[in-house]
PDB file of N, CA and C in Angstrom:
ATOM      1  N   MET A   1       0.846  -1.182   0.000  1.00  0.00           N
ATOM      2  CA  MET A   1       0.000   0.000   0.000  1.00  0.00           C
ATOM      3  C   MET A   1       0.887   1.239   0.000  1.00  0.00           C
ATOM      4  N   SER A   2       0.509   2.232  -0.729  1.00  0.00           N
ATOM      5  CA  SER A   2       1.297   3.452  -0.877  1.00  0.00           C
ATOM      6  C   SER A   2       1.121   4.373   0.329  1.00  0.00           C
ATOM      7  N   SER A   3       2.189   5.080   0.680  1.00  0.00           N
ATOM      8  CA  SER A   3       2.110   6.021   1.799  1.00  0.00           C
ATOM      9  C   SER A   3       1.751   7.431   1.339  1.00  0.00           C
ATOM     10  N   GLN A   4       1.509   7.614   0.031  1.00  0.00           N
ATOM     11  CA  GLN A   4       1.165   8.932  -0.491  1.00  0.00           C
ATOM     12  C   GLN A   4      -0.252   9.316  -0.089  1.00  0.00           C
ATOM     13  N   ALA A   5      -0.437  10.602   0.149  1.00  0.00           N
ATOM     14  CA  ALA A   5      -1.774  11.105   0.477  1.00  0.00           C
ATOM     15  C   ALA A   5      -2.635  11.086  -0.778  1.00  0.00           C
ATOM     16  N   THR A   6      -3.900  10.779  -0.603  1.00  0.00           N
ATOM     17  CA  THR A   6      -4.800  10.789  -1.748  1.00  0.00           C
ATOM     18  C   THR A   6      -5.264  12.211  -2.012  1.00  0.00           C
ATOM     19  N   THR A   7      -5.201  12.602  -3.250  1.00  0.00           N
ATOM     20  CA  THR A   7      -5.619  13.935  -3.649  1.00  0.00           C
ATOM     21  C   THR A   7      -6.836  13.805  -4.544  1.00  0.00           C
ATOM     22  N   ALA A   8      -7.856  14.590  -4.275  1.00  0.00           N
ATOM     23  CA  ALA A   8      -9.047  14.569  -5.121  1.00  0.00           C
ATOM     24  C   ALA A   8      -8.695  15.101  -6.499  1.00  0.00           C
ATOM     25  N   ILE A   9      -9.216  14.455  -7.524  1.00  0.00           N
ATOM     26  CA  ILE A   9      -8.957  14.886  -8.893  1.00  0.00           C
ATOM     27  C   ILE A   9      -9.834  16.095  -9.185  1.00  0.00           C
ATOM     28  N   PRO A  10      -9.231  17.219  -9.588  1.00  0.00           N
ATOM     29  CA  PRO A  10     -10.030  18.397  -9.943  1.00  0.00           C
ATOM     30  C   PRO A  10     -10.902  18.101 -11.164  1.00  0.00           C
ATOM     31  N   LYS A  11     -12.010  18.802 -11.262  1.00  0.00           N
ATOM     32  CA  LYS A  11     -12.935  18.598 -12.379  1.00  0.00           C
ATOM     33  C   LYS A  11     -13.108  19.889 -13.164  1.00  0.00           C
ATOM     34  N   ARG A  12     -13.267  19.736 -14.458  1.00  0.00           N
ATOM     35  CA  ARG A  12     -13.510  20.874 -15.341  1.00  0.00           C
ATOM     36  C   ARG A  12     -14.763  21.602 -14.881  1.00  0.00           C
ATOM     37  N   GLY A  13     -14.676  22.928 -14.810  1.00  0.00           N
ATOM     38  CA  GLY A  13     -15.814  23.742 -14.399  1.00  0.00           C
ATOM     39  C   GLY A  13     -15.798  24.126 -12.929  1.00  0.00           C
ATOM     40  N   GLU A  14     -14.971  23.467 -12.113  1.00  0.00           N
ATOM     41  CA  GLU A  14     -14.879  23.817 -10.692  1.00  0.00           C
ATOM     42  C   GLU A  14     -14.225  25.178 -10.525  1.00  0.00           C
ATOM     43  N   HIS A  15     -14.640  25.887  -9.478  1.00  0.00           N
ATOM     44  CA  HIS A  15     -14.034  27.168  -9.138  1.00  0.00           C
ATOM     45  C   HIS A  15     -13.071  26.954  -7.986  1.00  0.00           C
ATOM     46  N   VAL A  16     -11.863  27.483  -8.137  1.00  0.00           N
ATOM     47  CA  VAL A  16     -10.808  27.267  -7.145  1.00  0.00           C
ATOM     48  C   VAL A  16     -10.007  28.547  -6.937  1.00  0.00           C
ATOM     49  N   GLY A  17      -9.171  28.525  -5.912  1.00  0.00           N
ATOM     50  CA  GLY A  17      -8.170  29.556  -5.697  1.00  0.00           C
ATOM     51  C   GLY A  17      -6.808  28.926  -5.952  1.00  0.00           C
ATOM     52  N   MET A  18      -5.776  29.762  -5.995  1.00  0.00           N
ATOM     53  CA  MET A  18      -4.423  29.248  -6.173  1.00  0.00           C
ATOM     54  C   MET A  18      -3.537  29.799  -5.071  1.00  0.00           C
ATOM     55  N   ALA A  19      -2.583  28.994  -4.635  1.00  0.00           N
ATOM     56  CA  ALA A  19      -1.703  29.386  -3.539  1.00  0.00           C
ATOM     57  C   ALA A  19      -0.865  30.603  -3.892  1.00  0.00           C
ATOM     58  N   GLU A  20      -0.379  30.703  -5.115  1.00  0.00           N
ATOM     59  CA  GLU A  20       0.544  31.775  -5.459  1.00  0.00           C
ATOM     60  C   GLU A  20      -0.111  32.995  -6.119  1.00  0.00           C
ATOM     61  N   ARG A  21      -1.429  32.960  -6.317  1.00  0.00           N
ATOM     62  CA  ARG A  21      -2.129  34.102  -6.932  1.00  0.00           C
ATOM     63  C   ARG A  21      -3.434  34.356  -6.213  1.00  0.00           C
ATOM     64  N   SER A  22      -3.810  35.632  -6.162  1.00  0.00           N
ATOM     65  CA  SER A  22      -5.099  35.956  -5.555  1.00  0.00           C
ATOM     66  C   SER A  22      -6.180  35.919  -6.630  1.00  0.00           C
ATOM     67  N   GLY A  23      -7.407  35.755  -6.202  1.00  0.00           N
ATOM     68  CA  GLY A  23      -8.524  35.726  -7.129  1.00  0.00           C
ATOM     69  C   GLY A  23      -9.168  34.356  -7.193  1.00  0.00           C
ATOM     70  N   ARG A  24     -10.230  34.294  -7.989  1.00  0.00           N
ATOM     71  CA  ARG A  24     -10.960  33.049  -8.199  1.00  0.00           C
ATOM     72  C   ARG A  24     -10.743  32.601  -9.639  1.00  0.00           C
ATOM     73  N   PHE A  25     -10.688  31.288  -9.828  1.00  0.00           N
ATOM     74  CA  PHE A  25     -10.392  30.729 -11.137  1.00  0.00           C
ATOM     75  C   PHE A  25     -11.318  29.563 -11.439  1.00  0.00           C
ATOM     76  N   GLU A  26     -11.552  29.316 -12.731  1.00  0.00           N
ATOM     77  CA  GLU A  26     -12.341  28.171 -13.182  1.00  0.00           C
ATOM     78  C   GLU A  26     -11.409  27.205 -13.893  1.00  0.00           C
ATOM     79  N   ILE A  27     -11.524  25.933 -13.562  1.00  0.00           N
ATOM     80  CA  ILE A  27     -10.721  24.915 -14.231  1.00  0.00           C
ATOM     81  C   ILE A  27     -11.302  24.687 -15.621  1.00  0.00           C
ATOM     82  N   VAL A  28     -10.463  24.853 -16.650  1.00  0.00           N
ATOM     83  CA  VAL A  28     -10.926  24.679 -18.023  1.00  0.00           C
ATOM     84  C   VAL A  28     -10.387  23.404 -18.662  1.00  0.00           C
ATOM     85  N   ASP A  29      -9.336  22.807 -18.080  1.00  0.00           N
ATOM     86  CA  ASP A  29      -8.805  21.562 -18.609  1.00  0.00           C
ATOM     87  C   ASP A  29      -8.029  20.849 -17.509  1.00  0.00           C
ATOM     88  N   VAL A  30      -8.070  19.509 -17.509  1.00  0.00           N
ATOM     89  CA  VAL A  30      -7.387  18.705 -16.498  1.00  0.00           C
ATOM     90  C   VAL A  30      -6.464  17.716 -17.200  1.00  0.00           C
ATOM     91  N   ASN A  31      -5.201  17.650 -16.750  1.00  0.00           N
ATOM     92  CA  ASN A  31      -4.239  16.679 -17.263  1.00  0.00           C
ATOM     93  C   ASN A  31      -3.937  15.715 -16.118  1.00  0.00           C
ATOM     94  N   THR A  32      -4.595  14.542 -16.124  1.00  0.00           N
ATOM     95  CA  THR A  32      -4.425  13.595 -15.020  1.00  0.00           C
ATOM     96  C   THR A  32      -3.045  12.954 -15.018  1.00  0.00           C
ATOM     97  N   LEU A  33      -2.430  12.796 -16.167  1.00  0.00           N
ATOM     98  CA  LEU A  33      -1.100  12.193 -16.232  1.00  0.00           C
ATOM     99  C   LEU A  33      -0.058  13.059 -15.537  1.00  0.00           C
ATOM    100  N   MET A  34      -0.081  14.362 -15.798  1.00  0.00           N
ATOM    101  CA  MET A  34       0.893  15.286 -15.205  1.00  0.00           C
ATOM    102  C   MET A  34       0.392  15.909 -13.902  1.00  0.00           C
ATOM    103  N   GLN A  35      -0.860  15.640 -13.537  1.00  0.00           N
ATOM    104  CA  GLN A  35      -1.514  16.209 -12.354  1.00  0.00           C
ATOM    105  C   GLN A  35      -1.445  17.740 -12.368  1.00  0.00           C
ATOM    106  N   THR A  36      -1.861  18.299 -13.497  1.00  0.00           N
ATOM    107  CA  THR A  36      -1.935  19.749 -13.660  1.00  0.00           C
ATOM    108  C   THR A  36      -3.289  20.121 -14.245  1.00  0.00           C
ATOM    109  N   VAL A  37      -3.622  21.408 -14.121  1.00  0.00           N
ATOM    110  CA  VAL A  37      -4.849  21.936 -14.708  1.00  0.00           C
ATOM    111  C   VAL A  37      -4.543  23.243 -15.424  1.00  0.00           C
ATOM    112  N   ASN A  38      -5.416  23.610 -16.336  1.00  0.00           N
ATOM    113  CA  ASN A  38      -5.405  24.934 -16.937  1.00  0.00           C
ATOM    114  C   ASN A  38      -6.577  25.681 -16.325  1.00  0.00           C
ATOM    115  N   VAL A  39      -6.339  26.923 -15.893  1.00  0.00           N
ATOM    116  CA  VAL A  39      -7.391  27.700 -15.240  1.00  0.00           C
ATOM    117  C   VAL A  39      -7.568  29.053 -15.912  1.00  0.00           C
ATOM    118  N   LYS A  40      -8.790  29.573 -15.808  1.00  0.00           N
ATOM    119  CA  LYS A  40      -9.115  30.892 -16.347  1.00  0.00           C
ATOM    120  C   LYS A  40      -9.632  31.748 -15.207  1.00  0.00           C
ATOM    121  N   ALA A  41      -9.154  32.978 -15.126  1.00  0.00           N
ATOM    122  CA  ALA A  41      -9.601  33.900 -14.084  1.00  0.00           C
ATOM    123  C   ALA A  41     -11.081  34.213 -14.266  1.00  0.00           C
ATOM    124  N   LEU A  42     -11.802  34.319 -13.153  1.00  0.00           N
ATOM    125  CA  LEU A  42     -13.228  34.632 -13.204  1.00  0.00           C
ATOM    126  C   LEU A  42     -13.495  36.136 -13.213  1.00  0.00           C
ATOM    127  N   ASP A  43     -12.446  36.952 -13.307  1.00  0.00           N
ATOM    128  CA  ASP A  43     -12.620  38.407 -13.296  1.00  0.00           C
ATOM    129  C   ASP A  43     -12.995  38.967 -14.667  1.00  0.00           C
ATOM    130  N   GLY A  44     -13.219  38.086 -15.638  1.00  0.00           N
ATOM    131  CA  GLY A  44     -13.637  38.539 -16.958  1.00  0.00           C
ATOM    132  C   GLY A  44     -12.539  38.523 -17.994  1.00  0.00           C
ATOM    133  N   SER A  45     -11.292  38.376 -17.579  1.00  0.00           N
ATOM    134  CA  SER A  45     -10.213  38.308 -18.563  1.00  0.00           C
ATOM    135  C   SER A  45     -10.225  36.933 -19.221  1.00  0.00           C
ATOM    136  N   GLU A  46      -9.777  36.858 -20.428  1.00  0.00           N
ATOM    137  CA  GLU A  46      -9.784  35.601 -21.163  1.00  0.00           C
ATOM    138  C   GLU A  46      -8.464  34.856 -21.021  1.00  0.00           C
ATOM    139  N   HIS A  47      -7.543  35.353 -20.191  1.00  0.00           N
ATOM    140  CA  HIS A  47      -6.238  34.733 -20.032  1.00  0.00           C
ATOM    141  C   HIS A  47      -6.351  33.371 -19.351  1.00  0.00           C
ATOM    142  N   VAL A  48      -5.692  32.362 -19.931  1.00  0.00           N
ATOM    143  CA  VAL A  48      -5.672  31.026 -19.355  1.00  0.00           C
ATOM    144  C   VAL A  48      -4.274  30.753 -18.816  1.00  0.00           C
ATOM    145  N   THR A  49      -4.196  30.340 -17.559  1.00  0.00           N
ATOM    146  CA  THR A  49      -2.920  29.940 -16.954  1.00  0.00           C
ATOM    147  C   THR A  49      -2.803  28.442 -17.105  1.00  0.00           C
ATOM    148  N   ARG A  50      -1.730  27.996 -17.735  1.00  0.00           N
ATOM    149  CA  ARG A  50      -1.560  26.580 -18.057  1.00  0.00           C
ATOM    150  C   ARG A  50      -0.643  25.864 -17.069  1.00  0.00           C
ATOM    151  N   ASN A  51      -0.855  24.569 -16.960  1.00  0.00           N
ATOM    152  CA  ASN A  51       0.002  23.657 -16.190  1.00  0.00           C
ATOM    153  C   ASN A  51       0.171  24.056 -14.729  1.00  0.00           C
ATOM    154  N   VAL A  52      -0.937  24.323 -14.070  1.00  0.00           N
ATOM    155  CA  VAL A  52      -0.929  24.630 -12.641  1.00  0.00           C
ATOM    156  C   VAL A  52      -1.004  23.301 -11.888  1.00  0.00           C
ATOM    157  N   ALA A  53      -0.063  23.056 -10.985  1.00  0.00           N
ATOM    158  CA  ALA A  53      -0.035  21.804 -10.228  1.00  0.00           C
ATOM    159  C   ALA A  53      -1.253  21.697  -9.315  1.00  0.00           C
ATOM    160  N   TRP A  54      -1.795  20.490  -9.198  1.00  0.00           N
ATOM    161  CA  TRP A  54      -2.945  20.252  -8.324  1.00  0.00           C
ATOM    162  C   TRP A  54      -2.643  20.685  -6.903  1.00  0.00           C
ATOM    163  N   SER A  55      -1.412  20.503  -6.477  1.00  0.00           N
ATOM    164  CA  SER A  55      -1.049  20.806  -5.090  1.00  0.00           C
ATOM    165  C   SER A  55      -1.152  22.294  -4.762  1.00  0.00           C
ATOM    166  N   SER A  56      -1.169  23.161  -5.776  1.00  0.00           N
ATOM    167  CA  SER A  56      -1.273  24.604  -5.517  1.00  0.00           C
ATOM    168  C   SER A  56      -2.717  25.105  -5.558  1.00  0.00           C
ATOM    169  N   LEU A  57      -3.676  24.215  -5.817  1.00  0.00           N
ATOM    170  CA  LEU A  57      -5.087  24.611  -5.860  1.00  0.00           C
ATOM    171  C   LEU A  57      -5.669  24.632  -4.458  1.00  0.00           C
ATOM    172  N   LYS A  58      -6.552  25.616  -4.233  1.00  0.00           N
ATOM    173  CA  LYS A  58      -7.271  25.701  -2.966  1.00  0.00           C
ATOM    174  C   LYS A  58      -8.758  25.653  -3.285  1.00  0.00           C
ATOM    175  N   PRO A  59      -9.519  24.855  -2.523  1.00  0.00           N
ATOM    176  CA  PRO A  59     -10.963  24.810  -2.769  1.00  0.00           C
ATOM    177  C   PRO A  59     -11.587  26.180  -2.554  1.00  0.00           C
ATOM    178  N   GLU A  60     -12.583  26.486  -3.354  1.00  0.00           N
ATOM    179  CA  GLU A  60     -13.253  27.781  -3.211  1.00  0.00           C
ATOM    180  C   GLU A  60     -14.096  27.758  -1.951  1.00  0.00           C
ATOM    181  N   THR A  61     -13.977  28.803  -1.174  1.00  0.00           N
ATOM    182  CA  THR A  61     -14.807  28.939   0.026  1.00  0.00           C
ATOM    183  C   THR A  61     -15.891  29.956  -0.270  1.00  0.00           C
ATOM    184  N   ARG A  62     -17.121  29.563  -0.004  1.00  0.00           N
ATOM    185  CA  ARG A  62     -18.254  30.457  -0.267  1.00  0.00           C
ATOM    186  C   ARG A  62     -18.667  31.123   1.026  1.00  0.00           C
ATOM    187  N   LYS A  63     -18.957  32.405   0.939  1.00  0.00           N
ATOM    188  CA  LYS A  63     -19.429  33.142   2.111  1.00  0.00           C
ATOM    189  C   LYS A  63     -20.947  33.086   2.148  1.00  0.00           C
ATOM    190  N   ALA A  64     -21.484  32.712   3.297  1.00  0.00           N
ATOM    191  CA  ALA A  64     -22.941  32.588   3.431  1.00  0.00           C
ATOM    192  C   ALA A  64     -23.583  33.908   3.752  1.00  0.00           C
TER     193      ALA A  64
END
């Protein structure tokens, strides 16, 4: 049995934060082999950030 921690696989369309950048992002593509995602900022810009490691993603927290 492996001693590695299990990481949830991100899904296309999920909203997340990133450890090294502020703001909210939407996952637009998932690369399970390399464990990276491509994300697009939700601030209206069309810029896509490519090859973001899963380990740098933070789940989106919603304020009630």
